[in-house]
Each structure stands twice: as C-alpha cells, then as structure tokens.
N, C-alpha and C. Protein backbone atom coordinates (compact mmCIF):
# COMPACT_ATOMS: atom_id res chain seq x y z
N MET A 1 3.39 -0.33 7.70
CA MET A 1 2.16 -0.42 7.74
C MET A 1 1.72 -1.68 8.84
N ALA A 2 0.98 -1.33 9.71
CA ALA A 2 0.59 -2.44 10.69
C ALA A 2 -0.27 -3.31 10.00
N TYR A 3 -0.63 -4.61 10.52
CA TYR A 3 -1.60 -5.36 10.07
C TYR A 3 -2.40 -6.13 11.02
N ASP A 4 -3.70 -6.62 10.83
CA ASP A 4 -4.43 -7.15 11.70
C ASP A 4 -3.96 -8.47 12.26
N GLU A 5 -3.50 -8.25 13.53
CA GLU A 5 -2.82 -9.48 14.18
C GLU A 5 -3.87 -10.87 14.45
N ARG A 6 -5.06 -10.16 14.49
CA ARG A 6 -6.13 -10.97 15.10
C ARG A 6 -6.52 -11.93 13.67
N LEU A 7 -6.42 -11.16 12.66
CA LEU A 7 -6.91 -11.99 11.52
C LEU A 7 -5.71 -12.92 11.07
N ALA A 8 -4.35 -12.56 11.36
CA ALA A 8 -3.45 -13.36 11.11
C ALA A 8 -3.41 -14.75 11.86
N GLU A 9 -3.93 -14.45 13.19
CA GLU A 9 -4.23 -15.70 14.24
C GLU A 9 -5.08 -16.52 13.69
N ARG A 10 -6.30 -15.97 13.16
CA ARG A 10 -7.20 -16.76 12.66
C ARG A 10 -6.72 -17.62 11.32
N ILE A 11 -6.00 -17.08 10.60
CA ILE A 11 -5.32 -17.90 9.42
C ILE A 11 -4.46 -18.89 10.11
N ARG A 12 -3.67 -18.62 11.00
CA ARG A 12 -2.87 -19.62 11.57
C ARG A 12 -3.63 -20.89 12.11
N GLU A 13 -4.90 -20.56 12.65
CA GLU A 13 -5.65 -21.67 13.16
C GLU A 13 -6.09 -22.47 12.00
N ARG A 14 -6.56 -22.06 10.82
CA ARG A 14 -6.92 -22.68 9.75
C ARG A 14 -5.77 -23.34 9.16
N MET A 15 -4.57 -22.79 9.15
CA MET A 15 -3.34 -23.27 8.21
C MET A 15 -3.06 -24.62 9.26
N GLY A 16 -3.20 -24.70 10.48
CA GLY A 16 -2.71 -25.72 11.10
C GLY A 16 -1.24 -25.96 11.59
N ALA A 17 -0.75 -27.26 11.95
CA ALA A 17 0.58 -27.25 12.34
C ALA A 17 1.34 -27.70 11.32
N ASP A 18 1.06 -27.57 10.02
CA ASP A 18 1.70 -27.99 8.85
C ASP A 18 3.21 -27.42 8.99
N PRO A 19 4.23 -28.36 9.01
CA PRO A 19 5.59 -27.76 8.95
C PRO A 19 5.90 -27.04 7.79
N GLU A 20 5.10 -27.24 6.68
CA GLU A 20 5.62 -26.90 5.27
C GLU A 20 5.14 -25.54 5.10
N ILE A 21 4.43 -24.93 6.12
CA ILE A 21 3.90 -23.36 6.25
C ILE A 21 4.64 -22.76 7.06
N THR A 22 5.07 -21.61 6.33
CA THR A 22 6.00 -20.62 6.99
C THR A 22 5.33 -19.23 6.85
N GLU A 23 5.76 -18.45 7.55
CA GLU A 23 5.18 -16.99 7.84
C GLU A 23 6.63 -15.99 7.18
N LYS A 24 6.08 -14.89 6.58
CA LYS A 24 7.22 -14.03 6.10
C LYS A 24 6.45 -12.69 6.26
N ARG A 25 7.29 -11.61 6.60
CA ARG A 25 6.78 -10.18 6.62
C ARG A 25 6.91 -9.79 4.99
N MET A 26 6.04 -9.52 4.49
CA MET A 26 5.88 -8.86 3.07
C MET A 26 4.75 -8.18 2.84
N PHE A 27 4.76 -7.20 1.47
CA PHE A 27 3.66 -6.57 1.27
C PHE A 27 3.07 -5.61 2.58
N GLY A 28 3.89 -5.23 3.37
CA GLY A 28 3.59 -4.19 4.34
C GLY A 28 2.64 -5.06 5.53
N GLY A 29 2.84 -6.56 5.42
CA GLY A 29 1.92 -7.22 6.27
C GLY A 29 2.65 -8.57 6.44
N ILE A 30 1.74 -9.42 6.68
CA ILE A 30 2.61 -10.83 6.79
C ILE A 30 1.91 -11.76 5.74
N ALA A 31 2.68 -12.67 5.31
CA ALA A 31 2.22 -13.68 4.24
C ALA A 31 2.54 -15.25 4.94
N PHE A 32 1.59 -15.99 4.52
CA PHE A 32 1.70 -17.53 4.79
C PHE A 32 1.98 -18.25 3.49
N LEU A 33 3.02 -19.07 3.48
CA LEU A 33 3.67 -19.59 2.36
C LEU A 33 3.58 -21.19 2.60
N LEU A 34 3.13 -21.88 1.58
CA LEU A 34 3.22 -23.40 1.57
C LEU A 34 4.28 -23.69 0.58
N HIS A 35 5.28 -24.57 1.12
CA HIS A 35 6.54 -24.98 0.14
C HIS A 35 7.15 -23.63 -0.40
N GLY A 36 7.11 -22.55 0.34
CA GLY A 36 7.77 -21.49 -0.16
C GLY A 36 6.85 -20.59 -1.40
N ASN A 37 5.60 -20.83 -1.50
CA ASN A 37 4.91 -20.20 -2.31
C ASN A 37 3.76 -19.52 -1.54
N THR A 38 3.55 -18.24 -1.70
CA THR A 38 2.57 -17.55 -0.94
C THR A 38 1.13 -18.05 -1.26
N ALA A 39 0.45 -18.32 -0.08
CA ALA A 39 -1.02 -18.81 -0.43
C ALA A 39 -1.97 -17.58 0.07
N VAL A 40 -1.84 -17.30 1.27
CA VAL A 40 -2.60 -15.94 1.63
C VAL A 40 -1.62 -14.98 2.47
N GLY A 41 -2.05 -13.88 2.80
CA GLY A 41 -1.44 -12.90 3.73
C GLY A 41 -2.40 -11.94 4.25
N VAL A 42 -1.99 -11.15 5.08
CA VAL A 42 -2.86 -9.88 5.72
C VAL A 42 -1.96 -8.79 5.51
N THR A 43 -2.76 -7.75 4.98
CA THR A 43 -2.23 -6.40 4.64
C THR A 43 -3.04 -5.46 5.33
N GLY A 44 -2.77 -4.73 6.20
CA GLY A 44 -3.56 -3.89 6.93
C GLY A 44 -4.82 -4.71 7.59
N ASP A 45 -6.09 -4.34 7.35
CA ASP A 45 -7.13 -5.11 7.86
C ASP A 45 -7.87 -6.22 6.93
N ASP A 46 -7.15 -6.41 5.83
CA ASP A 46 -7.69 -7.17 4.69
C ASP A 46 -6.82 -8.41 4.55
N LEU A 47 -7.42 -9.57 3.80
CA LEU A 47 -7.00 -10.85 3.48
C LEU A 47 -6.54 -10.62 2.09
N MET A 48 -5.15 -11.08 1.90
CA MET A 48 -4.82 -11.22 0.40
C MET A 48 -4.62 -12.58 0.11
N VAL A 49 -5.25 -13.03 -1.05
CA VAL A 49 -5.21 -14.37 -1.50
C VAL A 49 -4.67 -14.74 -2.82
N ARG A 50 -3.84 -15.59 -2.98
CA ARG A 50 -3.23 -15.93 -4.25
C ARG A 50 -4.15 -16.95 -4.85
N VAL A 51 -5.08 -16.73 -5.93
CA VAL A 51 -6.04 -17.45 -6.53
C VAL A 51 -5.51 -18.20 -7.89
N GLY A 52 -4.45 -17.56 -8.36
CA GLY A 52 -4.03 -17.78 -9.83
C GLY A 52 -4.67 -17.13 -10.83
N PRO A 53 -4.15 -16.93 -11.93
CA PRO A 53 -4.65 -16.04 -12.98
C PRO A 53 -6.01 -16.58 -13.82
N GLU A 54 -6.14 -17.91 -13.72
CA GLU A 54 -7.40 -18.40 -14.24
C GLU A 54 -8.87 -18.20 -13.36
N ALA A 55 -8.37 -18.11 -11.99
CA ALA A 55 -9.66 -17.84 -11.04
C ALA A 55 -9.73 -16.42 -10.87
N THR A 56 -8.98 -15.53 -11.29
CA THR A 56 -8.93 -14.05 -10.67
C THR A 56 -10.41 -13.49 -10.97
N ASP A 57 -10.85 -13.72 -12.30
CA ASP A 57 -12.28 -13.11 -12.57
C ASP A 57 -13.34 -13.55 -11.67
N ALA A 58 -13.52 -14.85 -11.41
CA ALA A 58 -14.52 -15.41 -10.53
C ALA A 58 -14.33 -14.94 -9.08
N ALA A 59 -12.94 -14.87 -8.70
CA ALA A 59 -12.79 -14.34 -7.21
C ALA A 59 -13.14 -12.83 -7.11
N LEU A 60 -13.11 -12.07 -8.10
CA LEU A 60 -13.37 -10.66 -8.18
C LEU A 60 -15.03 -10.55 -8.11
N ASP A 61 -15.68 -11.61 -8.75
CA ASP A 61 -17.24 -11.64 -8.40
C ASP A 61 -17.93 -11.72 -7.19
N ARG A 62 -16.69 -12.25 -6.18
CA ARG A 62 -17.44 -12.50 -5.02
C ARG A 62 -17.39 -11.23 -4.13
N PRO A 63 -18.21 -11.14 -2.98
CA PRO A 63 -18.31 -9.99 -2.18
C PRO A 63 -17.05 -9.43 -1.48
N GLY A 64 -16.81 -8.16 -1.43
CA GLY A 64 -15.67 -7.52 -0.83
C GLY A 64 -14.27 -7.94 -1.55
N THR A 65 -14.10 -8.01 -2.80
CA THR A 65 -13.00 -8.19 -3.37
C THR A 65 -12.47 -7.33 -4.28
N ARG A 66 -11.05 -7.16 -4.26
CA ARG A 66 -10.65 -6.21 -5.36
C ARG A 66 -9.24 -6.85 -6.02
N ILE A 67 -8.93 -6.45 -7.11
CA ILE A 67 -7.36 -6.78 -7.48
C ILE A 67 -6.53 -6.38 -6.49
N PHE A 68 -5.19 -7.33 -6.30
CA PHE A 68 -4.35 -6.84 -5.55
C PHE A 68 -3.51 -5.91 -6.44
N ASP A 69 -3.18 -4.63 -5.73
CA ASP A 69 -2.35 -3.62 -6.46
C ASP A 69 -1.69 -2.79 -5.37
N MET A 70 -0.42 -3.08 -5.10
CA MET A 70 0.35 -2.40 -4.19
C MET A 70 1.19 -1.28 -4.82
N THR A 71 1.65 -1.41 -6.07
CA THR A 71 2.69 -0.69 -6.60
C THR A 71 2.04 0.29 -7.99
N GLY A 72 0.64 0.02 -8.09
CA GLY A 72 0.17 0.79 -9.37
C GLY A 72 0.20 -0.29 -10.62
N ARG A 73 0.67 -1.46 -10.13
CA ARG A 73 0.63 -2.45 -11.22
C ARG A 73 -0.31 -3.79 -10.64
N PRO A 74 -1.55 -3.75 -11.28
CA PRO A 74 -2.59 -4.79 -10.69
C PRO A 74 -1.70 -6.12 -10.95
N MET A 75 -1.86 -7.12 -9.86
CA MET A 75 -1.40 -8.48 -9.97
C MET A 75 -2.49 -9.39 -10.20
N ARG A 76 -2.70 -9.84 -11.37
CA ARG A 76 -3.50 -10.86 -11.87
C ARG A 76 -3.09 -12.23 -11.27
N GLY A 77 -4.06 -12.81 -10.71
CA GLY A 77 -3.86 -14.01 -10.00
C GLY A 77 -3.93 -13.76 -8.29
N TRP A 78 -4.01 -12.55 -7.85
CA TRP A 78 -3.99 -12.10 -6.42
C TRP A 78 -5.27 -11.28 -6.12
N VAL A 79 -5.82 -11.52 -5.08
CA VAL A 79 -6.91 -10.52 -4.95
C VAL A 79 -6.85 -10.25 -3.29
N VAL A 80 -7.26 -9.05 -3.00
CA VAL A 80 -7.67 -8.62 -1.64
C VAL A 80 -9.03 -8.67 -1.37
N VAL A 81 -9.16 -9.40 0.04
CA VAL A 81 -10.63 -9.49 0.35
C VAL A 81 -10.70 -8.49 1.62
N ASP A 82 -11.84 -7.64 1.67
CA ASP A 82 -11.92 -6.86 2.57
C ASP A 82 -12.13 -7.46 4.00
N GLY A 83 -11.84 -6.88 4.77
CA GLY A 83 -11.57 -7.74 6.40
C GLY A 83 -13.11 -7.97 6.79
N ALA A 84 -13.95 -7.11 6.53
CA ALA A 84 -15.40 -7.32 6.79
C ALA A 84 -16.04 -8.39 6.19
N ALA A 85 -15.39 -9.02 5.22
CA ALA A 85 -15.99 -9.98 4.21
C ALA A 85 -15.59 -11.23 4.70
N VAL A 86 -14.45 -11.39 5.63
CA VAL A 86 -14.15 -12.57 6.25
C VAL A 86 -14.04 -12.50 7.70
N ALA A 87 -15.09 -11.83 7.94
CA ALA A 87 -15.56 -11.85 9.74
C ALA A 87 -16.02 -12.88 10.21
N GLN A 88 -16.69 -13.81 9.31
CA GLN A 88 -17.22 -14.88 9.71
C GLN A 88 -16.17 -16.23 9.36
N ASP A 89 -16.08 -17.13 10.14
CA ASP A 89 -15.14 -18.16 10.14
C ASP A 89 -15.26 -18.89 8.91
N GLU A 90 -16.45 -19.18 8.51
CA GLU A 90 -16.63 -19.95 7.17
C GLU A 90 -15.95 -19.30 6.02
N ALA A 91 -16.27 -18.07 5.75
CA ALA A 91 -15.63 -17.22 4.75
C ALA A 91 -14.41 -17.21 4.67
N LEU A 92 -13.70 -16.97 5.87
CA LEU A 92 -12.09 -17.00 6.09
C LEU A 92 -11.64 -18.43 5.73
N GLY A 93 -12.30 -19.29 6.11
CA GLY A 93 -11.77 -20.59 5.79
C GLY A 93 -11.90 -20.82 4.34
N ASP A 94 -13.02 -20.64 3.52
CA ASP A 94 -13.00 -20.58 2.29
C ASP A 94 -11.78 -20.15 1.57
N TRP A 95 -11.62 -18.92 1.74
CA TRP A 95 -10.63 -18.10 1.10
C TRP A 95 -9.14 -18.70 1.57
N VAL A 96 -9.05 -19.23 2.76
CA VAL A 96 -7.72 -19.76 3.18
C VAL A 96 -7.36 -20.96 2.28
N ALA A 97 -8.40 -21.61 2.30
CA ALA A 97 -8.45 -23.15 1.59
C ALA A 97 -8.16 -22.82 0.07
N GLU A 98 -8.63 -21.63 -0.55
CA GLU A 98 -8.55 -21.67 -1.90
C GLU A 98 -7.19 -21.19 -2.12
N GLY A 99 -6.45 -20.33 -1.22
CA GLY A 99 -5.17 -19.82 -1.43
C GLY A 99 -4.27 -20.93 -1.21
N ARG A 100 -4.46 -21.81 -0.11
CA ARG A 100 -3.49 -23.01 -0.05
C ARG A 100 -3.68 -23.89 -1.12
N ASP A 101 -4.87 -24.03 -1.63
CA ASP A 101 -4.86 -25.16 -2.83
C ASP A 101 -4.07 -24.73 -3.89
N PHE A 102 -4.05 -23.28 -4.16
CA PHE A 102 -3.33 -22.78 -5.42
C PHE A 102 -1.81 -22.90 -4.98
N ALA A 103 -1.46 -22.55 -3.80
CA ALA A 103 -0.07 -22.78 -3.67
C ALA A 103 0.58 -24.04 -3.57
N ALA A 104 -0.38 -24.90 -3.32
CA ALA A 104 -0.17 -26.60 -3.23
C ALA A 104 0.05 -26.89 -4.81
N SER A 105 -0.60 -26.35 -5.76
CA SER A 105 -0.53 -26.81 -7.06
C SER A 105 0.88 -26.33 -7.74
N LEU A 106 1.73 -25.43 -7.12
CA LEU A 106 2.84 -24.76 -7.71
C LEU A 106 4.06 -25.75 -7.14
N PRO A 107 5.06 -25.74 -8.06
CA PRO A 107 6.30 -26.52 -7.59
C PRO A 107 6.99 -25.76 -6.30
N PRO A 108 7.55 -26.55 -5.41
CA PRO A 108 8.19 -26.06 -4.19
C PRO A 108 9.34 -25.14 -4.71
N LYS A 109 9.40 -24.14 -3.76
CA LYS A 109 10.74 -23.23 -4.12
C LYS A 109 11.80 -23.66 -3.24
C-alpha cells in the first residue's frame, strides 16, 4: 500500500531536526518514532496518531477520526485521522504534537 508522501513531508517539517525522531516503514505506510515509540504515521492518505488509551474517546469525538484497525482488532490508544481533516497546517500540527507528546511520555525503547 502506498502512502501520501506529501503528508509524510509535512509531518517531517513539524517534527523538525530532532535526532531522537526516526522513521520506519510499518502499517503499510511510514511511522515517525520518538525514542523508539511511535508518535504518528501515514497510512494511505490518512494520518495515524498514537494518543494513548485515556485520550482515545476524546480523540474520536474530533472531526474525521476513527479507531485504528488494520487487522480486525481495533487498537485502543490509536486513531486514524482522515487526510482531508489535516489539510490545514494548524490541524496537522495539533495532531502531530499530540502524538509526539504521548510518545515522549513513554520510556525509551
């Protein structure tokens, strides 16, 4: 499955030059990891965000979101945001910051 390289580039711009950020192909797309923990990613044309179990319901109340489910087993703590919902830089920045903040709260791998 191909992924939206332009969306990936927009994420790179928001992640900055932090040497603790790495990229890894996974989930049929690309993921951005902080200290080895996934923060956000791109799958198809959509943004994948790791928000954590406690923030899942609030995230799902936001426009264009759905639970992350690639194998028939929904993954609580992860949401997918429709690409159209992150077309504006501010919206993308908010989601990237949320994913990065959650990944930063986890112990390094």
